[in-house]
Each structure stands twice: as C-alpha cells, then as structure tokens.
PDB file of N, CA and C in Angstrom:
ATOM      1  N   MET A   1     -13.995   0.263   5.811  1.00  0.00           N
ATOM      2  CA  MET A   1     -13.558  -0.123   4.529  1.00  0.00           C
ATOM      3  C   MET A   1     -12.605  -1.439   4.820  1.00  0.00           C
ATOM      4  N   VAL A   2     -13.259  -2.476   4.022  1.00  0.00           N
ATOM      5  CA  VAL A   2     -12.521  -3.989   4.012  1.00  0.00           C
ATOM      6  C   VAL A   2     -10.991  -3.712   4.200  1.00  0.00           C
ATOM      7  N   TRP A   3     -10.425  -3.084   3.280  1.00  0.00           N
ATOM      8  CA  TRP A   3      -8.944  -3.032   3.224  1.00  0.00           C
ATOM      9  C   TRP A   3      -8.256  -2.601   4.357  1.00  0.00           C
ATOM     10  N   GLY A   4      -9.139  -1.519   4.733  1.00  0.00           N
ATOM     11  CA  GLY A   4      -8.673  -0.958   6.386  1.00  0.00           C
ATOM     12  C   GLY A   4      -8.463  -2.127   7.283  1.00  0.00           C
ATOM     13  N   LEU A   5      -9.437  -2.917   7.438  1.00  0.00           N
ATOM     14  CA  LEU A   5      -9.443  -4.044   8.511  1.00  0.00           C
ATOM     15  C   LEU A   5      -8.405  -4.918   8.232  1.00  0.00           C
ATOM     16  N   TRP A   6      -7.861  -5.363   6.908  1.00  0.00           N
ATOM     17  CA  TRP A   6      -6.795  -6.612   6.880  1.00  0.00           C
ATOM     18  C   TRP A   6      -5.606  -5.545   6.878  1.00  0.00           C
ATOM     19  N   ALA A   7      -5.299  -4.580   6.772  1.00  0.00           N
ATOM     20  CA  ALA A   7      -4.218  -3.541   6.833  1.00  0.00           C
ATOM     21  C   ALA A   7      -3.941  -3.194   8.432  1.00  0.00           C
ATOM     22  N   ASN A   8      -4.959  -3.098   9.182  1.00  0.00           N
ATOM     23  CA  ASN A   8      -5.140  -2.958  10.799  1.00  0.00           C
ATOM     24  C   ASN A   8      -4.679  -4.298  11.217  1.00  0.00           C
ATOM     25  N   THR A   9      -5.106  -5.513  10.799  1.00  0.00           N
ATOM     26  CA  THR A   9      -4.847  -6.575  11.134  1.00  0.00           C
ATOM     27  C   THR A   9      -3.316  -7.222  10.955  1.00  0.00           C
ATOM     28  N   ALA A  10      -2.870  -6.719   9.871  1.00  0.00           N
ATOM     29  CA  ALA A  10      -1.521  -6.920   9.487  1.00  0.00           C
ATOM     30  C   ALA A  10      -0.542  -6.157  10.632  1.00  0.00           C
ATOM     31  N   ALA A  11      -0.882  -4.759  10.626  1.00  0.00           N
ATOM     32  CA  ALA A  11      -0.063  -4.084  11.546  1.00  0.00           C
ATOM     33  C   ALA A  11       0.039  -4.549  13.131  1.00  0.00           C
ATOM     34  N   LYS A  12      -1.179  -5.013  13.360  1.00  0.00           N
ATOM     35  CA  LYS A  12      -0.933  -5.515  14.647  1.00  0.00           C
ATOM     36  C   LYS A  12       0.164  -6.384  15.229  1.00  0.00           C
ATOM     37  N   SER A  13       0.923  -7.119  14.476  1.00  0.00           N
ATOM     38  CA  SER A  13       2.006  -8.248  14.576  1.00  0.00           C
ATOM     39  C   SER A  13       3.019  -7.164  14.775  1.00  0.00           C
ATOM     40  N   HIS A  14       3.165  -6.045  14.344  1.00  0.00           N
ATOM     41  CA  HIS A  14       4.234  -5.174  14.422  1.00  0.00           C
ATOM     42  C   HIS A  14       3.902  -3.780  15.301  1.00  0.00           C
ATOM     43  N   ASN A  15       3.499  -4.062  16.577  1.00  0.00           N
ATOM     44  CA  ASN A  15       3.124  -3.285  17.624  1.00  0.00           C
ATOM     45  C   ASN A  15       3.839  -1.746  17.631  1.00  0.00           C
ATOM     46  N   GLY A  16       3.325  -0.766  17.350  1.00  0.00           N
ATOM     47  CA  GLY A  16       3.888   0.538  17.214  1.00  0.00           C
ATOM     48  C   GLY A  16       5.066   0.819  16.199  1.00  0.00           C
ATOM     49  N   LYS A  17       5.220  -0.114  15.188  1.00  0.00           N
ATOM     50  CA  LYS A  17       6.126   0.111  14.417  1.00  0.00           C
ATOM     51  C   LYS A  17       5.813   0.625  13.014  1.00  0.00           C
ATOM     52  N   ILE A  18       4.499   0.631  12.913  1.00  0.00           N
ATOM     53  CA  ILE A  18       3.668   0.681  11.565  1.00  0.00           C
ATOM     54  C   ILE A  18       2.977   1.869  11.782  1.00  0.00           C
ATOM     55  N   GLU A  19       2.682   2.776  10.775  1.00  0.00           N
ATOM     56  CA  GLU A  19       1.509   4.183  10.574  1.00  0.00           C
ATOM     57  C   GLU A  19       0.979   3.918   9.212  1.00  0.00           C
ATOM     58  N   ILE A  20      -0.340   3.662   9.435  1.00  0.00           N
ATOM     59  CA  ILE A  20      -1.126   3.456   8.420  1.00  0.00           C
ATOM     60  C   ILE A  20      -1.609   4.845   8.021  1.00  0.00           C
ATOM     61  N   LEU A  21      -1.442   5.213   6.897  1.00  0.00           N
ATOM     62  CA  LEU A  21      -1.943   6.693   6.407  1.00  0.00           C
ATOM     63  C   LEU A  21      -3.094   6.270   5.316  1.00  0.00           C
ATOM     64  N   ASP A  22      -4.358   6.571   5.746  1.00  0.00           N
ATOM     65  CA  ASP A  22      -5.559   6.035   4.937  1.00  0.00           C
ATOM     66  C   ASP A  22      -5.895   7.366   4.013  1.00  0.00           C
ATOM     67  N   LEU A  23      -5.247   7.158   2.541  1.00  0.00           N
ATOM     68  CA  LEU A  23      -5.601   8.288   1.634  1.00  0.00           C
ATOM     69  C   LEU A  23      -7.617   8.577   1.607  1.00  0.00           C
ATOM     70  N   ARG A  24      -7.926   9.381   2.079  1.00  0.00           N
ATOM     71  CA  ARG A  24      -9.282   9.468   1.892  1.00  0.00           C
ATOM     72  C   ARG A  24      -9.813  10.209   0.702  1.00  0.00           C
ATOM     73  N   THR A  25      -8.807  11.064   0.061  1.00  0.00           N
ATOM     74  CA  THR A  25      -9.153  11.634  -1.501  1.00  0.00           C
ATOM     75  C   THR A  25      -7.708  11.645  -2.006  1.00  0.00           C
ATOM     76  N   LEU A  26      -7.883  11.647  -3.340  1.00  0.00           N
ATOM     77  CA  LEU A  26      -6.768  11.419  -4.124  1.00  0.00           C
ATOM     78  C   LEU A  26      -6.515  12.728  -4.724  1.00  0.00           C
ATOM     79  N   VAL A  27      -7.850  13.858  -4.853  1.00  0.00           N
ATOM     80  CA  VAL A  27      -7.657  15.029  -5.298  1.00  0.00           C
ATOM     81  C   VAL A  27      -8.041  15.806  -4.204  1.00  0.00           C
ATOM     82  N   PRO A  28      -7.991  16.707  -3.335  1.00  0.00           N
ATOM     83  CA  PRO A  28      -6.209  16.984  -3.500  1.00  0.00           C
ATOM     84  C   PRO A  28      -5.739  15.939  -2.498  1.00  0.00           C
ATOM     85  N   LEU A  29      -4.412  15.559  -3.066  1.00  0.00           N
ATOM     86  CA  LEU A  29      -3.725  14.529  -2.333  1.00  0.00           C
ATOM     87  C   LEU A  29      -2.758  15.142  -1.418  1.00  0.00           C
ATOM     88  N   ASP A  30      -2.771  14.595  -0.211  1.00  0.00           N
ATOM     89  CA  ASP A  30      -2.064  15.089   1.086  1.00  0.00           C
ATOM     90  C   ASP A  30      -0.447  14.802   0.913  1.00  0.00           C
ATOM     91  N   ARG A  31       0.126  15.047  -0.020  1.00  0.00           N
ATOM     92  CA  ARG A  31       1.511  14.676  -0.386  1.00  0.00           C
ATOM     93  C   ARG A  31       2.455  15.165   0.872  1.00  0.00           C
ATOM     94  N   GLU A  32       2.223  16.216   1.639  1.00  0.00           N
ATOM     95  CA  GLU A  32       2.735  16.518   2.753  1.00  0.00           C
ATOM     96  C   GLU A  32       2.802  15.348   3.919  1.00  0.00           C
ATOM     97  N   ALA A  33       1.618  15.050   4.209  1.00  0.00           N
ATOM     98  CA  ALA A  33       1.447  13.934   5.100  1.00  0.00           C
ATOM     99  C   ALA A  33       2.189  12.516   4.783  1.00  0.00           C
ATOM    100  N   ILE A  34       2.141  12.582   3.406  1.00  0.00           N
ATOM    101  CA  ILE A  34       2.541  11.445   2.890  1.00  0.00           C
ATOM    102  C   ILE A  34       4.140  11.043   3.155  1.00  0.00           C
ATOM    103  N   PHE A  35       4.791  12.175   2.515  1.00  0.00           N
ATOM    104  CA  PHE A  35       6.069  12.267   2.632  1.00  0.00           C
ATOM    105  C   PHE A  35       6.678  12.598   3.920  1.00  0.00           C
ATOM    106  N   ASN A  36       5.983  13.416   5.028  1.00  0.00           N
ATOM    107  CA  ASN A  36       6.326  13.354   6.367  1.00  0.00           C
ATOM    108  C   ASN A  36       6.573  11.846   7.091  1.00  0.00           C
ATOM    109  N   SER A  37       5.422  11.306   6.558  1.00  0.00           N
ATOM    110  CA  SER A  37       5.354   9.745   7.218  1.00  0.00           C
ATOM    111  C   SER A  37       6.583   8.982   6.834  1.00  0.00           C
ATOM    112  N   VAL A  38       6.549   9.059   5.502  1.00  0.00           N
ATOM    113  CA  VAL A  38       7.743   8.228   4.687  1.00  0.00           C
ATOM    114  C   VAL A  38       9.254   8.697   5.686  1.00  0.00           C
ATOM    115  N   ARG A  39       9.514   9.675   5.528  1.00  0.00           N
ATOM    116  CA  ARG A  39      10.720  10.498   6.222  1.00  0.00           C
ATOM    117  C   ARG A  39      10.437  10.013   7.677  1.00  0.00           C
ATOM    118  N   LYS A  40       9.480   9.940   8.415  1.00  0.00           N
ATOM    119  CA  LYS A  40       9.596   9.654   9.764  1.00  0.00           C
ATOM    120  C   LYS A  40       9.977   8.055   9.897  1.00  0.00           C
ATOM    121  N   HIS A  41       9.772   7.242   8.890  1.00  0.00           N
ATOM    122  CA  HIS A  41       9.558   5.849   9.278  1.00  0.00           C
ATOM    123  C   HIS A  41      10.921   5.102   8.455  1.00  0.00           C
ATOM    124  N   ASN A  42      11.078   5.971   7.292  1.00  0.00           N
ATOM    125  CA  ASN A  42      12.048   5.532   6.286  1.00  0.00           C
ATOM    126  C   ASN A  42      11.697   4.686   5.388  1.00  0.00           C
ATOM    127  N   LYS A  43      10.577   3.815   5.332  1.00  0.00           N
ATOM    128  CA  LYS A  43      10.288   2.982   4.534  1.00  0.00           C
ATOM    129  C   LYS A  43       8.670   3.342   4.202  1.00  0.00           C
ATOM    130  N   CYS A  44       8.379   2.602   3.005  1.00  0.00           N
ATOM    131  CA  CYS A  44       6.973   2.848   2.476  1.00  0.00           C
ATOM    132  C   CYS A  44       6.323   1.576   1.768  1.00  0.00           C
ATOM    133  N   LEU A  45       5.339   1.176   2.403  1.00  0.00           N
ATOM    134  CA  LEU A  45       4.629  -0.021   1.598  1.00  0.00           C
ATOM    135  C   LEU A  45       3.175   0.449   1.135  1.00  0.00           C
ATOM    136  N   LEU A  46       2.978   0.814  -0.066  1.00  0.00           N
ATOM    137  CA  LEU A  46       1.618   0.936  -0.648  1.00  0.00           C
ATOM    138  C   LEU A  46       1.065  -0.188  -0.926  1.00  0.00           C
ATOM    139  N   VAL A  47      -0.302  -0.338  -0.192  1.00  0.00           N
ATOM    140  CA  VAL A  47      -1.347  -1.396  -0.432  1.00  0.00           C
ATOM    141  C   VAL A  47      -2.602  -0.700  -1.242  1.00  0.00           C
ATOM    142  N   THR A  48      -2.958  -1.372  -2.333  1.00  0.00           N
ATOM    143  CA  THR A  48      -4.025  -1.095  -3.046  1.00  0.00           C
ATOM    144  C   THR A  48      -4.898  -2.324  -3.618  1.00  0.00           C
ATOM    145  N   GLU A  49      -6.057  -2.164  -3.776  1.00  0.00           N
ATOM    146  CA  GLU A  49      -6.817  -3.021  -4.425  1.00  0.00           C
ATOM    147  C   GLU A  49      -6.863  -3.000  -6.103  1.00  0.00           C
ATOM    148  N   GLU A  50      -6.048  -1.935  -6.286  1.00  0.00           N
ATOM    149  CA  GLU A  50      -6.196  -1.986  -7.959  1.00  0.00           C
ATOM    150  C   GLU A  50      -4.995  -2.848  -8.443  1.00  0.00           C
ATOM    151  N   PRO A  51      -4.698  -3.401  -9.727  1.00  0.00           N
ATOM    152  CA  PRO A  51      -3.701  -4.313  -9.990  1.00  0.00           C
ATOM    153  C   PRO A  51      -2.501  -3.362 -10.059  1.00  0.00           C
ATOM    154  N   THR A  52      -1.141  -4.041  -9.833  1.00  0.00           N
ATOM    155  CA  THR A  52      -0.294  -3.448  -9.300  1.00  0.00           C
ATOM    156  C   THR A  52       0.530  -2.831 -10.492  1.00  0.00           C
ATOM    157  N   GLY A  53       0.207  -3.109 -11.849  1.00  0.00           N
ATOM    158  CA  GLY A  53       0.845  -2.605 -12.931  1.00  0.00           C
ATOM    159  C   GLY A  53       0.560  -1.492 -13.550  1.00  0.00           C
ATOM    160  N   PHE A  54       1.321  -0.328 -13.279  1.00  0.00           N
ATOM    161  CA  PHE A  54       1.013   0.962 -14.117  1.00  0.00           C
ATOM    162  C   PHE A  54      -0.387   1.593 -13.655  1.00  0.00           C
ATOM    163  N   GLY A  55      -0.491   1.715 -12.483  1.00  0.00           N
ATOM    164  CA  GLY A  55      -1.699   2.505 -11.921  1.00  0.00           C
ATOM    165  C   GLY A  55      -1.179   3.461 -10.882  1.00  0.00           C
ATOM    166  N   PHE A  56      -2.398   4.028 -10.058  1.00  0.00           N
ATOM    167  CA  PHE A  56      -2.215   5.017  -9.423  1.00  0.00           C
ATOM    168  C   PHE A  56      -1.185   4.788  -8.361  1.00  0.00           C
ATOM    169  N   ALA A  57      -1.133   3.728  -7.581  1.00  0.00           N
ATOM    170  CA  ALA A  57      -0.108   3.287  -6.558  1.00  0.00           C
ATOM    171  C   ALA A  57       1.269   3.403  -7.088  1.00  0.00           C
ATOM    172  N   GLN A  58       1.637   2.945  -8.314  1.00  0.00           N
ATOM    173  CA  GLN A  58       2.843   2.892  -8.929  1.00  0.00           C
ATOM    174  C   GLN A  58       3.203   4.127  -9.123  1.00  0.00           C
ATOM    175  N   ALA A  59       2.391   5.052  -9.680  1.00  0.00           N
ATOM    176  CA  ALA A  59       2.811   6.387  -9.964  1.00  0.00           C
ATOM    177  C   ALA A  59       3.052   7.150  -8.456  1.00  0.00           C
ATOM    178  N   LEU A  60       2.212   7.089  -7.717  1.00  0.00           N
ATOM    179  CA  LEU A  60       2.470   7.788  -6.042  1.00  0.00           C
ATOM    180  C   LEU A  60       3.962   6.778  -5.570  1.00  0.00           C
ATOM    181  N   ALA A  61       4.209   5.769  -5.754  1.00  0.00           N
ATOM    182  CA  ALA A  61       5.508   5.155  -5.413  1.00  0.00           C
ATOM    183  C   ALA A  61       6.540   5.857  -5.817  1.00  0.00           C
ATOM    184  N   GLY A  62       6.662   6.073  -7.497  1.00  0.00           N
ATOM    185  CA  GLY A  62       7.571   6.688  -8.263  1.00  0.00           C
ATOM    186  C   GLY A  62       7.643   8.126  -7.455  1.00  0.00           C
ATOM    187  N   GLU A  63       6.579   8.782  -7.210  1.00  0.00           N
ATOM    188  CA  GLU A  63       6.786  10.385  -6.458  1.00  0.00           C
ATOM    189  C   GLU A  63       7.323  10.345  -5.190  1.00  0.00           C
ATOM    190  N   ILE A  64       7.163   9.141  -4.520  1.00  0.00           N
ATOM    191  CA  ILE A  64       7.489   9.012  -3.025  1.00  0.00           C
ATOM    192  C   ILE A  64       8.993   8.676  -2.998  1.00  0.00           C
ATOM    193  N   GLN A  65       9.566   7.962  -4.121  1.00  0.00           N
ATOM    194  CA  GLN A  65      10.696   7.549  -4.462  1.00  0.00           C
ATOM    195  C   GLN A  65      11.604   8.796  -4.689  1.00  0.00           C
ATOM    196  N   GLN A  66      11.278   9.449  -5.444  1.00  0.00           N
ATOM    197  CA  GLN A  66      11.876  10.959  -6.150  1.00  0.00           C
ATOM    198  C   GLN A  66      11.974  11.778  -4.999  1.00  0.00           C
ATOM    199  N   GLU A  67      10.786  12.075  -4.160  1.00  0.00           N
ATOM    200  CA  GLU A  67      10.812  13.131  -3.141  1.00  0.00           C
ATOM    201  C   GLU A  67      11.456  12.929  -1.860  1.00  0.00           C
ATOM    202  N   CYS A  68      11.574  11.293  -1.618  1.00  0.00           N
ATOM    203  CA  CYS A  68      12.198  10.928  -0.162  1.00  0.00           C
ATOM    204  C   CYS A  68      13.324  10.184  -0.509  1.00  0.00           C
ATOM    205  N   PHE A  69      13.888  10.417  -1.529  1.00  0.00           N
ATOM    206  CA  PHE A  69      15.173   9.301  -1.681  1.00  0.00           C
ATOM    207  C   PHE A  69      16.106   9.226  -0.686  1.00  0.00           C
ATOM    208  N   GLU A  70      16.683  10.295  -0.298  1.00  0.00           N
ATOM    209  CA  GLU A  70      17.673  10.163   0.701  1.00  0.00           C
ATOM    210  C   GLU A  70      17.220   9.827   2.156  1.00  0.00           C
ATOM    211  N   SER A  71      15.886   9.725   2.525  1.00  0.00           N
ATOM    212  CA  SER A  71      15.403   9.329   3.398  1.00  0.00           C
ATOM    213  C   SER A  71      15.124   7.949   3.786  1.00  0.00           C
ATOM    214  N   LEU A  72      14.943   7.002   2.675  1.00  0.00           N
ATOM    215  CA  LEU A  72      14.384   5.949   2.395  1.00  0.00           C
ATOM    216  C   LEU A  72      15.377   4.943   2.635  1.00  0.00           C
ATOM    217  N   ASP A  73      15.384   3.966   3.398  1.00  0.00           N
ATOM    218  CA  ASP A  73      16.245   3.097   3.478  1.00  0.00           C
ATOM    219  C   ASP A  73      16.045   1.507   2.593  1.00  0.00           C
ATOM    220  N   ALA A  74      15.027   1.582   1.950  1.00  0.00           N
ATOM    221  CA  ALA A  74      14.567   0.564   1.132  1.00  0.00           C
ATOM    222  C   ALA A  74      13.920   1.127  -0.169  1.00  0.00           C
ATOM    223  N   PRO A  75      13.620   0.283  -1.155  1.00  0.00           N
ATOM    224  CA  PRO A  75      12.799   0.981  -2.050  1.00  0.00           C
ATOM    225  C   PRO A  75      11.398   0.937  -1.951  1.00  0.00           C
ATOM    226  N   VAL A  76      10.273   1.533  -2.422  1.00  0.00           N
ATOM    227  CA  VAL A  76       9.106   1.775  -1.919  1.00  0.00           C
ATOM    228  C   VAL A  76       8.371   0.512  -2.614  1.00  0.00           C
ATOM    229  N   GLN A  77       7.507  -0.031  -1.853  1.00  0.00           N
ATOM    230  CA  GLN A  77       7.155  -1.354  -2.400  1.00  0.00           C
ATOM    231  C   GLN A  77       5.605  -1.290  -2.459  1.00  0.00           C
ATOM    232  N   VAL A  78       4.944  -1.971  -3.511  1.00  0.00           N
ATOM    233  CA  VAL A  78       3.374  -1.842  -3.713  1.00  0.00           C
ATOM    234  C   VAL A  78       2.685  -3.084  -3.782  1.00  0.00           C
ATOM    235  N   ILE A  79       1.964  -3.489  -2.955  1.00  0.00           N
ATOM    236  CA  ILE A  79       1.175  -4.620  -2.946  1.00  0.00           C
ATOM    237  C   ILE A  79      -0.463  -4.367  -3.452  1.00  0.00           C
ATOM    238  N   GLY A  80      -0.846  -5.270  -4.413  1.00  0.00           N
ATOM    239  CA  GLY A  80      -2.199  -5.008  -5.023  1.00  0.00           C
ATOM    240  C   GLY A  80      -2.799  -6.468  -5.419  1.00  0.00           C
ATOM    241  N   ALA A  81      -3.669  -5.801  -6.287  1.00  0.00           N
ATOM    242  CA  ALA A  81      -4.389  -7.013  -6.816  1.00  0.00           C
ATOM    243  C   ALA A  81      -3.648  -7.597  -7.813  1.00  0.00           C
ATOM    244  N   GLU A  82      -3.833  -9.070  -8.262  1.00  0.00           N
ATOM    245  CA  GLU A  82      -3.118  -9.441  -9.298  1.00  0.00           C
ATOM    246  C   GLU A  82      -3.434  -8.944 -10.421  1.00  0.00           C
ATOM    247  N   ASN A  83      -3.013  -9.028 -11.589  1.00  0.00           N
ATOM    248  CA  ASN A  83      -3.147  -8.563 -12.761  1.00  0.00           C
ATOM    249  C   ASN A  83      -4.005  -9.404 -13.689  1.00  0.00           C
ATOM    250  N   MET A  84      -5.343  -9.142 -13.476  1.00  0.00           N
ATOM    251  CA  MET A  84      -6.275 -10.030 -14.088  1.00  0.00           C
ATOM    252  C   MET A  84      -7.453  -9.179 -14.911  1.00  0.00           C
ATOM    253  N   PRO A  85      -7.847  -9.738 -15.747  1.00  0.00           N
ATOM    254  CA  PRO A  85      -8.982  -8.586 -16.388  1.00  0.00           C
ATOM    255  C   PRO A  85     -10.326  -8.080 -15.700  1.00  0.00           C
ATOM    256  N   ALA A  86     -10.704  -9.082 -14.770  1.00  0.00           N
ATOM    257  CA  ALA A  86     -11.805  -8.727 -13.879  1.00  0.00           C
ATOM    258  C   ALA A  86     -11.694  -9.441 -12.637  1.00  0.00           C
ATOM    259  N   ILE A  87     -12.366  -9.163 -11.541  1.00  0.00           N
ATOM    260  CA  ILE A  87     -12.461  -9.906 -10.225  1.00  0.00           C
ATOM    261  C   ILE A  87     -13.356 -11.398 -10.485  1.00  0.00           C
ATOM    262  N   PRO A  88     -12.899 -12.491 -10.407  1.00  0.00           N
ATOM    263  CA  PRO A  88     -13.424 -13.546 -10.421  1.00  0.00           C
ATOM    264  C   PRO A  88     -14.790 -13.873  -9.400  1.00  0.00           C
ATOM    265  N   LEU A  89     -15.600 -14.383  -9.756  1.00  0.00           N
ATOM    266  CA  LEU A  89     -16.660 -14.803  -9.447  1.00  0.00           C
ATOM    267  C   LEU A  89     -16.555 -15.740  -8.031  1.00  0.00           C
ATOM    268  N   ASN A  90     -15.507 -16.533  -8.388  1.00  0.00           N
ATOM    269  CA  ASN A  90     -15.178 -17.627  -7.527  1.00  0.00           C
ATOM    270  C   ASN A  90     -14.646 -17.102  -6.296  1.00  0.00           C
ATOM    271  N   SER A  91     -14.897 -17.468  -5.178  1.00  0.00           N
ATOM    272  CA  SER A  91     -14.539 -16.949  -3.800  1.00  0.00           C
ATOM    273  C   SER A  91     -13.111 -17.208  -3.436  1.00  0.00           C
ATOM    274  N   THR A  92     -12.501 -18.449  -3.767  1.00  0.00           N
ATOM    275  CA  THR A  92     -11.192 -19.074  -3.599  1.00  0.00           C
ATOM    276  C   THR A  92     -10.531 -18.000  -4.632  1.00  0.00           C
ATOM    277  N   LEU A  93     -10.873 -17.940  -5.865  1.00  0.00           N
ATOM    278  CA  LEU A  93      -9.964 -16.860  -6.903  1.00  0.00           C
ATOM    279  C   LEU A  93     -10.024 -15.318  -6.377  1.00  0.00           C
ATOM    280  N   GLU A  94     -11.065 -15.138  -5.793  1.00  0.00           N
ATOM    281  CA  GLU A  94     -11.147 -13.580  -5.462  1.00  0.00           C
ATOM    282  C   GLU A  94     -10.249 -13.323  -4.390  1.00  0.00           C
ATOM    283  N   ALA A  95     -10.334 -14.444  -3.354  1.00  0.00           N
ATOM    284  CA  ALA A  95      -9.104 -14.097  -2.143  1.00  0.00           C
ATOM    285  C   ALA A  95      -7.729 -14.398  -2.718  1.00  0.00           C
ATOM    286  N   THR A  96      -7.387 -14.828  -3.893  1.00  0.00           N
ATOM    287  CA  THR A  96      -6.010 -15.063  -4.218  1.00  0.00           C
ATOM    288  C   THR A  96      -5.907 -13.775  -5.031  1.00  0.00           C
ATOM    289  N   MET A  97      -6.732 -13.030  -5.632  1.00  0.00           N
ATOM    290  CA  MET A  97      -6.400 -11.878  -6.360  1.00  0.00           C
ATOM    291  C   MET A  97      -6.115 -10.670  -5.784  1.00  0.00           C
ATOM    292  N   ILE A  98      -7.083 -10.626  -4.478  1.00  0.00           N
ATOM    293  CA  ILE A  98      -7.005  -9.281  -3.877  1.00  0.00           C
ATOM    294  C   ILE A  98      -5.846  -9.223  -2.525  1.00  0.00           C
ATOM    295  N   PRO A  99      -5.315  -8.328  -2.221  1.00  0.00           N
ATOM    296  CA  PRO A  99      -4.589  -8.121  -1.217  1.00  0.00           C
ATOM    297  C   PRO A  99      -5.468  -8.550   0.190  1.00  0.00           C
ATOM    298  N   ASN A 100      -4.767  -9.131   1.158  1.00  0.00           N
ATOM    299  CA  ASN A 100      -5.138  -9.525   2.685  1.00  0.00           C
ATOM    300  C   ASN A 100      -4.258  -9.252   3.648  1.00  0.00           C
ATOM    301  N   ALA A 101      -4.668  -9.592   4.760  1.00  0.00           N
ATOM    302  CA  ALA A 101      -3.446  -9.141   5.870  1.00  0.00           C
ATOM    303  C   ALA A 101      -1.981 -10.012   5.615  1.00  0.00           C
ATOM    304  N   GLU A 102      -2.503 -11.430   5.245  1.00  0.00           N
ATOM    305  CA  GLU A 102      -1.240 -12.283   5.008  1.00  0.00           C
ATOM    306  C   GLU A 102      -0.240 -11.592   4.088  1.00  0.00           C
ATOM    307  N   LYS A 103      -0.891 -11.258   2.973  1.00  0.00           N
ATOM    308  CA  LYS A 103      -0.036 -11.020   1.991  1.00  0.00           C
ATOM    309  C   LYS A 103       0.746  -9.518   2.343  1.00  0.00           C
ATOM    310  N   VAL A 104       0.007  -8.479   3.215  1.00  0.00           N
ATOM    311  CA  VAL A 104       0.776  -7.581   3.521  1.00  0.00           C
ATOM    312  C   VAL A 104       1.796  -7.610   4.628  1.00  0.00           C
ATOM    313  N   GLN A 105       1.621  -8.598   5.362  1.00  0.00           N
ATOM    314  CA  GLN A 105       2.671  -9.127   6.479  1.00  0.00           C
ATOM    315  C   GLN A 105       4.063  -9.523   5.888  1.00  0.00           C
ATOM    316  N   MET A 106       3.883 -10.358   4.759  1.00  0.00           N
ATOM    317  CA  MET A 106       4.974 -10.855   4.111  1.00  0.00           C
ATOM    318  C   MET A 106       6.257 -10.029   3.712  1.00  0.00           C
ATOM    319  N   PRO A 107       6.349  -8.794   3.118  1.00  0.00           N
ATOM    320  CA  PRO A 107       7.487  -7.965   2.738  1.00  0.00           C
ATOM    321  C   PRO A 107       8.045  -7.841   4.076  1.00  0.00           C
TER     322      PRO A 107
END
C-alpha cells in the first residue's frame, strides 16, 4: 500500500520509537491491539487517506481517547487528506491533498 510506504519512511527518522499498526480490517476491528499499543507508547497518531472531518479515523480517535485516557501523554492526533469534494487530477494538487511522509513527521 502506498500509505504504508510513506508511514514507514516517516518512522525511519524515529528509530525504534514508533510502532506502526496496520489495520487490515475494520470489521472486526482489533481494539485490543490498538489499545495495547497506545498504552505501551502513551501517544497515538492516526494516519488515513480519508478527509479528517467526521470520518472513521475521528471516531476511532474518540474511542482511543475514551478507553486509554489515563495512559495518554497527549491528545490523539489524526492526519488525513484535506477536506475536498474529490481527489484533484492535477498531480501537484493531489500531492497537497493526500498525506505523505513529510506531513506525518511534522507532529
């Protein structure tokens, strides 16, 4: 998957400090693995290609905040695509809209 490549690229600059949990299925959702990982690291960054407003990643962030509140050192962050009605055909605009390794490293 493309997003897996840029997530791994972003993680390389934080050698051994980041765990990437690739959710292969959403039903059933492996809540135990998610919550264990968050409790282990005390932080969570959700990366998605969907727009960040009112999507699955935002709902999952809320569930993580609720379940792991006492373990978190910071609020759960969500990085996703810009809120646009469609993916642009222009390659420059597409690169601006969709997350990449550089955007993931920033928080």
